[in-house]
Amino acid sequence: MGAVARGEVPAVSVGAGLTGMAAAHFLRASGVTRRIMERSPVVGGHAVTVEERGYRFDRTGHLLHLRDRELEALALRWMGPAHHRITRQSRVWSHGVYTGYPFQAHVHGLPPEVAYDCLMGFLERRADAPIASFEDYCFAHFGRGISEHFMLPYNERLWGVPPSELTPAWCDRFVPRPTLAQVIAGAVGHEVEPLGYNATFLYPSFGIGQLSDGLARAVGDVETGREVRRIESAPRRLHLDGEVVAYDRLVSTMPLPALVAAIDDAPPEVRAAAATLRATKLWYLDVALRGSVGRPFHWIYVPERRYPFYRVGAYSSFSPAMTPPGAASLYVELVSREEPDLARLLPEVADHLVAMGLIRRREAIVFARARCLDHAYVVYDQAREAALPVIEAFLRSRRILSTGRYGAWNYSSMGDALRMGREAAAWVTEESA
């Protein structure tokens, strides 16, 4: 049977993660007829929760940082009353000790020679030095000691590329820059005021999927299991299985390279630009525990290369409802981009968790699952800086807005995802006026 064409829809959203669903919500509020389609059988994108044997797991740490009152009020409505407002408890594990976060303001407790190296490096830094890369940024703003003991090794493990290849375009918001007074206070053990965008956060009692499910109920008509096969951008038509949808405005939250690949009439220069975009793949472990976690921290940064993971977080520290009574759970973000051999890796991970005081013995692990995010972090490199204007100009000329973390190809939070959905709805209504 051939594809069935329908009349033109004023707005179509492709992707039912937080951005796509937020766009659909605000479009409905504006009285705009729209459809929202999602390839997966479930909504939420990365903001989903799965359950196994009474343990609930998100796709690693997904925490809500909201500074916009309208969006916070909506998020609270979508989550419902079962949620927590939390003050961050995070640490850095290096040289066999825990220190406060951010590392650059909490070197007290490190071996004396390391703390001295960090403090002197900060005092001798050259903030006026030319900055072309993230490596340059670290040396200029933190000095050699802090850079070499934490900033550079940790971020290379997270991003999967040398810091010299990263631009600093993402740093101003996500990398706290303490004052000299704060660095000195942190070096001698004085209390330092919380730094960073994530000092407080909201978390749904039953996992981040609770937010996505509530938003989906508010939207009401998400079409799941609907994959866009191809897009004709000049006549503005989406091709799905068994249906062709004509649209006036298209909001896409699918990964930007995939969107370009789906557009039949994308010109060669746009395809070439999209081919240069990079993102990290993340393998991580969800770990179910019997008993409690041995430390009261929400997450821990691990910069040293001898560990196969760069961050450990505790779902059960976000909410006790994430596990059965008397139990706990962790997520362990792995450095390797290759699928792990769990039978070989898990004993090594367990031994490190014991050394970190998070579990008492290997047998505390009830079960573990290896999971993968094909797109985790968008790589901020020079190719991205050159490619995005080329791609965005073409898309806008065809009444397509690519938005959300992977649609806009950026490093952003779930609060940003909701904001981008609201902005996408405004773009549709303004362009249609």
Protein backbone atom coordinates (compact mmCIF):
# COMPACT_ATOMS: atom_id res chain seq x y z
CA MET A 1 0.00 0.00 0.00
CA GLY A 2 1.37 3.41 -0.89
CA ALA A 3 1.91 6.30 1.48
CA VAL A 4 -1.17 8.36 2.33
CA ALA A 5 -0.80 12.14 2.16
CA ARG A 6 -2.58 14.41 4.62
CA GLY A 7 -3.37 18.10 4.57
CA GLU A 8 -0.73 20.55 5.69
CA VAL A 9 -0.08 20.75 9.42
CA PRO A 10 0.98 24.20 10.71
CA ALA A 11 3.70 22.71 12.93
CA VAL A 12 5.29 19.30 13.33
CA SER A 13 7.71 18.35 16.10
CA VAL A 14 10.04 15.42 15.46
CA GLY A 15 11.26 13.94 18.72
CA ALA A 16 9.45 13.62 22.04
CA GLY A 17 12.26 14.35 24.44
CA LEU A 18 11.85 17.26 26.84
CA THR A 19 12.42 19.91 24.16
CA GLY A 20 10.01 18.43 21.63
CA MET A 21 7.28 17.86 24.18
CA ALA A 22 7.76 21.31 25.71
CA ALA A 23 7.40 22.82 22.23
CA ALA A 24 4.19 20.84 21.71
CA HIS A 25 2.89 22.02 25.09
CA PHE A 26 3.50 25.69 24.36
CA LEU A 27 2.12 25.40 20.83
CA ARG A 28 -1.09 23.92 22.19
CA ALA A 29 -1.28 26.78 24.70
CA SER A 30 -0.98 29.20 21.77
CA GLY A 31 -3.77 27.47 19.88
CA VAL A 32 -1.51 26.17 17.11
CA THR A 33 -2.48 22.88 15.47
CA ARG A 34 0.55 20.58 15.66
CA ARG A 35 1.66 16.98 15.66
CA ILE A 36 4.52 15.47 17.63
CA MET A 37 6.23 12.25 16.55
CA GLU A 38 8.74 10.04 18.32
CA ARG A 39 10.69 7.14 16.82
CA SER A 40 10.96 5.27 20.12
CA PRO A 41 8.00 3.47 21.73
CA VAL A 42 8.55 5.60 24.86
CA VAL A 43 8.84 9.35 25.37
CA GLY A 44 11.56 11.33 27.14
CA GLY A 45 14.70 10.90 25.04
CA HIS A 46 17.48 10.46 27.60
CA ALA A 47 15.14 11.56 30.41
CA VAL A 48 13.70 8.10 31.05
CA THR A 49 13.69 5.65 33.94
CA VAL A 50 13.72 1.86 33.76
CA GLU A 51 12.94 -0.55 36.58
CA GLU A 52 14.34 -3.98 37.37
CA ARG A 53 13.67 -5.99 40.52
CA GLY A 54 12.52 -2.93 42.39
CA TYR A 55 15.53 -0.81 41.41
CA ARG A 56 14.95 2.26 39.24
CA PHE A 57 17.66 3.56 36.92
CA ASP A 58 17.91 6.75 34.87
CA ARG A 59 20.36 7.16 32.00
CA THR A 60 23.05 8.30 34.48
CA GLY A 61 22.50 11.49 36.47
CA HIS A 62 19.59 13.59 35.23
CA LEU A 63 18.94 16.48 37.61
CA LEU A 64 16.79 19.56 37.13
CA HIS A 65 18.50 22.94 37.44
CA LEU A 66 15.78 25.55 36.88
CA ARG A 67 16.20 29.29 37.27
CA ASP A 68 13.17 30.20 35.19
CA ARG A 69 10.09 30.54 37.39
CA GLU A 70 7.59 29.68 34.66
CA LEU A 71 9.45 26.53 33.70
CA GLU A 72 9.97 25.52 37.33
CA ALA A 73 6.25 25.87 38.02
CA LEU A 74 5.46 23.73 34.99
CA ALA A 75 8.08 21.11 35.88
CA LEU A 76 6.67 20.86 39.41
CA ARG A 77 3.18 20.40 37.96
CA TRP A 78 4.37 17.69 35.56
CA MET A 79 6.33 15.86 38.27
CA GLY A 80 3.59 16.14 40.86
CA PRO A 81 4.14 16.39 44.61
CA ALA A 82 6.53 13.42 44.79
CA HIS A 83 9.86 15.17 44.32
CA HIS A 84 12.90 16.41 46.24
CA ARG A 85 14.66 19.77 46.34
CA ILE A 86 18.31 18.92 46.97
CA THR A 87 21.51 20.72 47.89
CA ARG A 88 24.46 19.20 46.02
CA GLN A 89 26.87 16.94 47.88
CA SER A 90 29.63 16.11 45.40
CA ARG A 91 33.31 15.28 45.78
CA VAL A 92 36.49 14.62 43.84
CA TRP A 93 38.36 11.36 44.47
CA SER A 94 42.09 11.62 43.72
CA HIS A 95 45.36 10.68 45.40
CA GLY A 96 43.34 8.33 47.61
CA VAL A 97 41.34 11.10 49.32
CA TYR A 98 38.07 12.96 48.90
CA THR A 99 38.15 16.70 48.35
CA GLY A 100 35.33 19.16 47.77
CA TYR A 101 33.86 20.19 44.44
CA PRO A 102 34.82 22.13 42.45
CA PHE A 103 38.39 20.88 42.69
CA GLN A 104 39.83 24.30 41.86
CA ALA A 105 38.39 25.73 45.10
CA HIS A 106 38.98 22.72 47.38
CA VAL A 107 42.58 21.50 47.30
CA HIS A 108 42.78 21.18 51.09
CA GLY A 109 43.29 17.55 52.07
CA LEU A 110 45.39 16.64 49.04
CA PRO A 111 49.00 15.58 49.59
CA PRO A 112 50.91 18.76 50.59
CA GLU A 113 53.02 18.82 47.43
CA VAL A 114 49.89 18.55 45.25
CA ALA A 115 48.02 21.28 47.13
CA TYR A 116 51.12 23.50 46.94
CA ASP A 117 51.44 22.85 43.20
CA CYS A 118 47.78 23.81 42.69
CA LEU A 119 47.93 26.95 44.80
CA MET A 120 51.19 28.23 43.32
CA GLY A 121 49.98 27.50 39.81
CA PHE A 122 46.87 29.55 40.45
CA LEU A 123 48.93 32.45 41.77
CA GLU A 124 51.26 32.32 38.76
CA ARG A 125 48.55 31.90 36.08
CA ARG A 126 48.43 34.31 33.17
CA ALA A 127 44.78 35.24 32.67
CA ASP A 128 45.72 37.52 29.75
CA ALA A 129 47.33 34.68 27.76
CA PRO A 130 45.79 33.91 24.33
CA ILE A 131 43.03 31.30 24.56
CA ALA A 132 42.27 29.14 21.53
CA SER A 133 41.48 25.81 23.21
CA PHE A 134 40.13 24.37 26.43
CA GLU A 135 43.70 23.52 27.39
CA ASP A 136 44.65 27.20 26.99
CA TYR A 137 41.58 28.18 29.00
CA CYS A 138 42.58 25.95 31.91
CA PHE A 139 46.17 27.17 32.08
CA ALA A 140 45.07 30.81 31.82
CA HIS A 141 42.35 30.67 34.46
CA PHE A 142 43.53 27.95 36.86
CA GLY A 143 47.27 27.62 36.38
CA ARG A 144 49.36 24.56 35.72
CA GLY A 145 48.79 22.65 38.98
CA ILE A 146 44.99 22.60 38.97
CA SER A 147 45.00 22.00 35.23
CA GLU A 148 47.34 19.01 35.33
CA HIS A 149 45.96 17.43 38.50
CA PHE A 150 42.28 17.69 37.58
CA MET A 151 40.94 19.87 34.79
CA LEU A 152 42.81 18.36 31.86
CA PRO A 153 42.81 14.65 32.78
CA TYR A 154 39.21 14.64 33.95
CA ASN A 155 37.86 16.40 30.88
CA GLU A 156 39.85 14.25 28.49
CA ARG A 157 38.25 11.21 30.12
CA LEU A 158 34.78 12.75 29.87
CA TRP A 159 34.97 14.16 26.32
CA GLY A 160 37.16 11.42 24.84
CA VAL A 161 39.36 13.91 22.96
CA PRO A 162 42.52 15.82 23.94
CA PRO A 163 41.75 19.15 25.66
CA SER A 164 43.82 20.88 22.98
CA GLU A 165 41.11 19.91 20.45
CA LEU A 166 38.24 21.39 22.47
CA THR A 167 37.21 25.01 22.22
CA PRO A 168 36.30 26.87 25.44
CA ALA A 169 32.88 27.91 24.11
CA TRP A 170 31.05 25.78 26.70
CA CYS A 171 33.10 26.81 29.75
CA ASP A 172 31.65 30.05 31.08
CA ARG A 173 28.54 28.39 32.46
CA PHE A 174 29.74 24.88 33.22
CA VAL A 175 33.25 25.44 34.63
CA PRO A 176 33.25 27.39 37.92
CA ARG A 177 35.99 30.03 38.18
CA PRO A 178 36.70 30.82 41.84
CA THR A 179 38.27 34.05 43.04
CA LEU A 180 41.73 34.14 44.58
CA ALA A 181 40.14 34.46 48.03
CA GLN A 182 38.02 31.35 47.40
CA VAL A 183 41.02 29.34 46.19
CA ILE A 184 43.06 30.31 49.26
CA ALA A 185 40.14 29.55 51.59
CA GLY A 186 39.70 26.16 49.96
CA ALA A 187 43.42 25.47 50.22
CA VAL A 188 43.52 26.02 53.99
CA GLY A 189 40.26 24.25 54.77
CA HIS A 190 37.89 27.19 55.26
CA GLU A 191 34.31 26.86 54.09
CA VAL A 192 33.77 28.02 50.49
CA GLU A 193 30.33 29.10 49.28
CA PRO A 194 28.77 26.68 46.75
CA LEU A 195 30.02 27.30 43.22
CA GLY A 196 28.63 26.17 39.88
CA TYR A 197 25.28 26.02 38.14
CA ASN A 198 24.25 22.76 39.85
CA ALA A 199 24.57 23.68 43.55
CA THR A 200 20.88 22.90 44.04
CA PHE A 201 18.50 20.82 41.97
CA LEU A 202 15.09 19.17 41.78
CA TYR A 203 14.64 15.44 41.40
CA PRO A 204 11.43 13.39 40.99
CA SER A 205 11.02 10.74 43.68
CA PHE A 206 10.66 7.89 41.20
CA GLY A 207 13.29 8.88 38.66
CA ILE A 208 13.56 11.46 35.92
CA GLY A 209 11.12 9.53 33.74
CA GLN A 210 8.43 10.80 36.11
CA LEU A 211 8.95 14.28 34.62
CA SER A 212 8.80 13.05 31.03
CA ASP A 213 5.69 10.96 31.68
CA GLY A 214 3.95 13.90 33.31
CA LEU A 215 4.83 16.18 30.43
CA ALA A 216 3.60 13.57 27.94
CA ARG A 217 0.26 13.40 29.76
CA ALA A 218 0.00 17.18 29.56
CA VAL A 219 0.77 17.13 25.82
CA GLY A 220 -1.66 14.29 25.33
CA ASP A 221 -1.17 13.22 21.73
CA VAL A 222 2.44 12.10 21.24
CA GLU A 223 2.67 9.67 18.33
CA THR A 224 5.25 7.08 19.39
CA GLY A 225 6.83 4.50 17.11
CA ARG A 226 6.77 7.00 14.23
CA GLU A 227 10.13 7.24 12.48
CA VAL A 228 10.82 9.89 9.88
CA ARG A 229 12.29 8.10 6.86
CA ARG A 230 13.05 11.12 4.73
CA ILE A 231 12.32 14.83 4.44
CA GLU A 232 11.66 16.89 1.35
CA SER A 233 12.54 20.35 2.61
CA ALA A 234 11.53 22.40 -0.43
CA PRO A 235 7.96 21.16 -0.69
CA ARG A 236 8.02 20.62 3.12
CA ARG A 237 6.98 16.98 3.41
CA LEU A 238 7.86 14.30 5.96
CA HIS A 239 7.85 10.68 4.84
CA LEU A 240 6.95 8.13 7.50
CA ASP A 241 5.88 4.51 7.22
CA GLY A 242 2.62 4.63 5.33
CA GLU A 243 2.14 8.37 5.53
CA VAL A 244 3.38 11.63 4.04
CA VAL A 245 2.87 14.71 6.22
CA ALA A 246 2.94 18.19 4.73
CA TYR A 247 3.98 20.87 7.21
CA ASP A 248 4.46 24.62 7.34
CA ARG A 249 7.05 24.68 10.18
CA LEU A 250 9.19 21.78 11.35
CA VAL A 251 10.77 21.59 14.81
CA SER A 252 13.33 18.80 14.98
CA THR A 253 15.14 17.52 18.07
CA MET A 254 16.75 14.53 16.37
CA PRO A 255 20.58 14.63 16.34
CA LEU A 256 21.66 17.29 13.88
CA PRO A 257 23.74 14.98 11.63
CA ALA A 258 20.80 12.57 11.39
CA LEU A 259 18.45 15.40 10.44
CA VAL A 260 20.72 16.55 7.63
CA ALA A 261 21.12 12.97 6.41
CA ALA A 262 17.32 12.61 6.25
CA ILE A 263 16.81 15.71 4.06
CA ASP A 264 16.73 14.62 0.44
CA ASP A 265 17.62 18.01 -0.99
CA ALA A 266 20.31 19.11 1.47
CA PRO A 267 23.11 20.68 -0.59
CA PRO A 268 26.62 19.16 -0.62
CA GLU A 269 28.14 21.90 1.56
CA VAL A 270 25.55 21.27 4.27
CA ARG A 271 26.11 17.52 4.18
CA ALA A 272 29.86 18.09 4.34
CA ALA A 273 29.46 20.37 7.37
CA ALA A 274 27.26 17.84 9.18
CA ALA A 275 29.83 15.10 8.54
CA THR A 276 32.40 16.99 10.65
CA LEU A 277 30.27 17.03 13.82
CA ARG A 278 31.40 14.75 16.63
CA ALA A 279 29.77 13.48 19.83
CA THR A 280 30.95 11.07 22.50
CA LYS A 281 29.47 7.64 23.03
CA LEU A 282 29.05 6.79 26.71
CA TRP A 283 29.05 3.32 28.20
CA TYR A 284 28.00 3.18 31.83
CA LEU A 285 27.05 0.65 34.47
CA ASP A 286 23.85 0.65 36.49
CA VAL A 287 24.70 -1.10 39.75
CA ALA A 288 22.16 -2.48 42.24
CA LEU A 289 23.42 -2.81 45.82
CA ARG A 290 22.31 -4.51 48.99
CA GLY A 291 22.72 -2.19 51.94
CA SER A 292 23.50 1.52 51.81
CA VAL A 293 26.17 3.49 49.95
CA GLY A 294 29.12 4.08 52.25
CA ARG A 295 29.39 7.80 51.49
CA PRO A 296 26.59 10.40 51.53
CA PHE A 297 27.56 11.96 48.18
CA HIS A 298 25.37 12.45 45.15
CA TRP A 299 28.21 12.05 42.66
CA ILE A 300 32.01 11.83 42.59
CA TYR A 301 34.51 12.99 39.94
CA VAL A 302 37.46 10.69 39.27
CA PRO A 303 40.29 12.31 37.26
CA GLU A 304 43.08 9.74 37.60
CA ARG A 305 43.83 7.51 34.62
CA ARG A 306 44.21 4.30 36.64
CA TYR A 307 40.44 4.12 37.12
CA PRO A 308 38.23 2.75 34.30
CA PHE A 309 35.51 5.29 35.16
CA TYR A 310 35.48 9.06 35.44
CA ARG A 311 32.35 9.61 37.53
CA VAL A 312 30.22 7.66 39.99
CA GLY A 313 26.77 8.76 41.13
CA ALA A 314 24.20 7.36 43.54
CA TYR A 315 20.60 7.22 42.34
CA SER A 316 19.54 6.22 45.84
CA SER A 317 21.09 9.40 47.26
CA PHE A 318 18.77 11.44 45.03
CA SER A 319 15.69 9.60 46.27
CA PRO A 320 15.17 6.54 48.51
CA ALA A 321 12.28 5.49 46.27
CA MET A 322 14.81 4.57 43.56
CA THR A 323 15.53 1.24 45.32
CA PRO A 324 13.81 -1.35 47.48
CA PRO A 325 13.91 -0.65 51.24
CA GLY A 326 17.39 -1.11 52.70
CA ALA A 327 19.05 -1.11 49.28
CA ALA A 328 21.03 1.40 47.19
CA SER A 329 22.14 1.95 43.60
CA LEU A 330 24.92 3.59 41.62
CA TYR A 331 25.74 4.65 38.09
CA VAL A 332 29.35 4.34 36.94
CA GLU A 333 30.38 6.29 33.83
CA LEU A 334 33.13 4.49 31.92
CA VAL A 335 36.09 6.00 30.09
CA SER A 336 36.23 3.45 27.27
CA ARG A 337 33.96 4.01 24.28
CA GLU A 338 33.95 0.28 23.56
CA GLU A 339 31.29 -2.10 24.84
CA PRO A 340 32.57 -3.44 28.17
CA ASP A 341 33.15 -7.08 29.00
CA LEU A 342 31.09 -6.95 32.17
CA ALA A 343 32.37 -10.24 33.60
CA ARG A 344 35.94 -8.92 33.40
CA LEU A 345 35.27 -5.28 34.26
CA LEU A 346 32.86 -5.57 37.17
CA PRO A 347 35.32 -7.09 39.69
CA GLU A 348 37.81 -4.30 38.93
CA VAL A 349 35.11 -1.64 39.33
CA ALA A 350 33.93 -3.26 42.55
CA ASP A 351 37.43 -3.21 44.02
CA HIS A 352 37.74 0.51 43.26
CA LEU A 353 34.34 1.16 44.82
CA VAL A 354 35.53 -0.66 47.94
CA ALA A 355 38.69 1.48 48.03
CA MET A 356 36.54 4.61 47.69
CA GLY A 357 34.41 3.53 50.63
CA LEU A 358 31.24 3.29 48.56
CA ILE A 359 30.69 -0.43 49.17
CA ARG A 360 32.18 -2.77 51.78
CA ARG A 361 32.90 -5.74 49.55
CA ARG A 362 32.28 -7.08 46.06
CA GLU A 363 29.34 -9.11 47.28
CA ALA A 364 27.39 -5.91 48.00
CA ILE A 365 26.59 -5.83 44.26
CA VAL A 366 23.27 -7.57 43.56
CA PHE A 367 23.49 -7.10 39.80
CA ALA A 368 24.93 -4.69 37.25
CA ARG A 369 23.91 -3.77 33.71
CA ALA A 370 26.06 -2.19 31.00
CA ARG A 371 24.17 0.44 29.02
CA CYS A 372 25.09 2.89 26.26
CA LEU A 373 24.22 6.42 25.18
CA ASP A 374 25.14 6.76 21.51
CA HIS A 375 25.12 10.54 21.92
CA ALA A 376 26.28 11.77 25.31
CA TYR A 377 28.38 14.93 24.94
CA VAL A 378 28.62 17.07 21.82
CA VAL A 379 32.31 17.71 21.07
CA TYR A 380 33.09 21.43 21.02
CA ASP A 381 35.85 21.66 18.44
CA GLN A 382 36.77 24.03 15.63
CA ALA A 383 34.83 21.92 13.13
CA ARG A 384 31.64 22.48 15.14
CA GLU A 385 32.21 26.23 15.18
CA ALA A 386 32.54 26.26 11.39
CA ALA A 387 29.73 23.79 10.62
CA LEU A 388 26.82 25.11 12.66
CA PRO A 389 26.31 28.44 10.83
CA VAL A 390 26.30 26.64 7.47
CA ILE A 391 23.74 24.07 8.59
CA GLU A 392 21.52 26.48 10.52
CA ALA A 393 21.29 28.97 7.63
CA PHE A 394 20.08 26.23 5.28
CA LEU A 395 17.57 24.85 7.77
CA ARG A 396 16.09 28.25 8.56
CA SER A 397 15.70 28.94 4.85
CA ARG A 398 13.55 25.77 4.68
CA ARG A 399 11.44 26.61 7.77
CA ILE A 400 13.18 24.00 9.92
CA LEU A 401 14.34 24.67 13.46
CA SER A 402 16.78 22.11 14.84
CA THR A 403 16.84 22.48 18.62
CA GLY A 404 17.38 20.66 21.89
CA ARG A 405 20.72 19.34 23.14
CA TYR A 406 21.44 17.25 20.04
CA GLY A 407 19.35 19.20 17.57
CA ALA A 408 21.18 22.44 18.36
CA TRP A 409 24.35 20.37 18.89
CA ASN A 410 25.30 21.89 22.22
CA TYR A 411 26.08 21.17 25.87
CA SER A 412 22.96 22.00 27.85
CA SER A 413 20.82 20.93 30.78
CA MET A 414 17.26 19.66 31.06
CA GLY A 415 16.21 23.13 32.15
CA ASP A 416 17.69 24.37 28.89
CA ALA A 417 15.77 21.66 27.03
CA LEU A 418 12.47 22.99 28.38
CA ARG A 419 13.50 26.56 27.59
CA MET A 420 14.46 25.61 24.02
CA GLY A 421 11.05 23.97 23.61
CA ARG A 422 9.35 27.20 24.67
CA GLU A 423 11.55 29.17 22.26
CA ALA A 424 10.74 26.74 19.46
CA ALA A 425 7.02 27.32 19.99
CA ALA A 426 7.63 31.08 19.90
CA TRP A 427 9.55 30.66 16.63
CA VAL A 428 6.60 28.83 15.08
CA THR A 429 4.06 31.41 16.17
CA GLU A 430 6.23 34.40 15.23
CA GLU A 431 7.11 32.99 11.83
CA SER A 432 3.47 32.11 11.17
CA ALA A 433 2.14 35.53 12.14
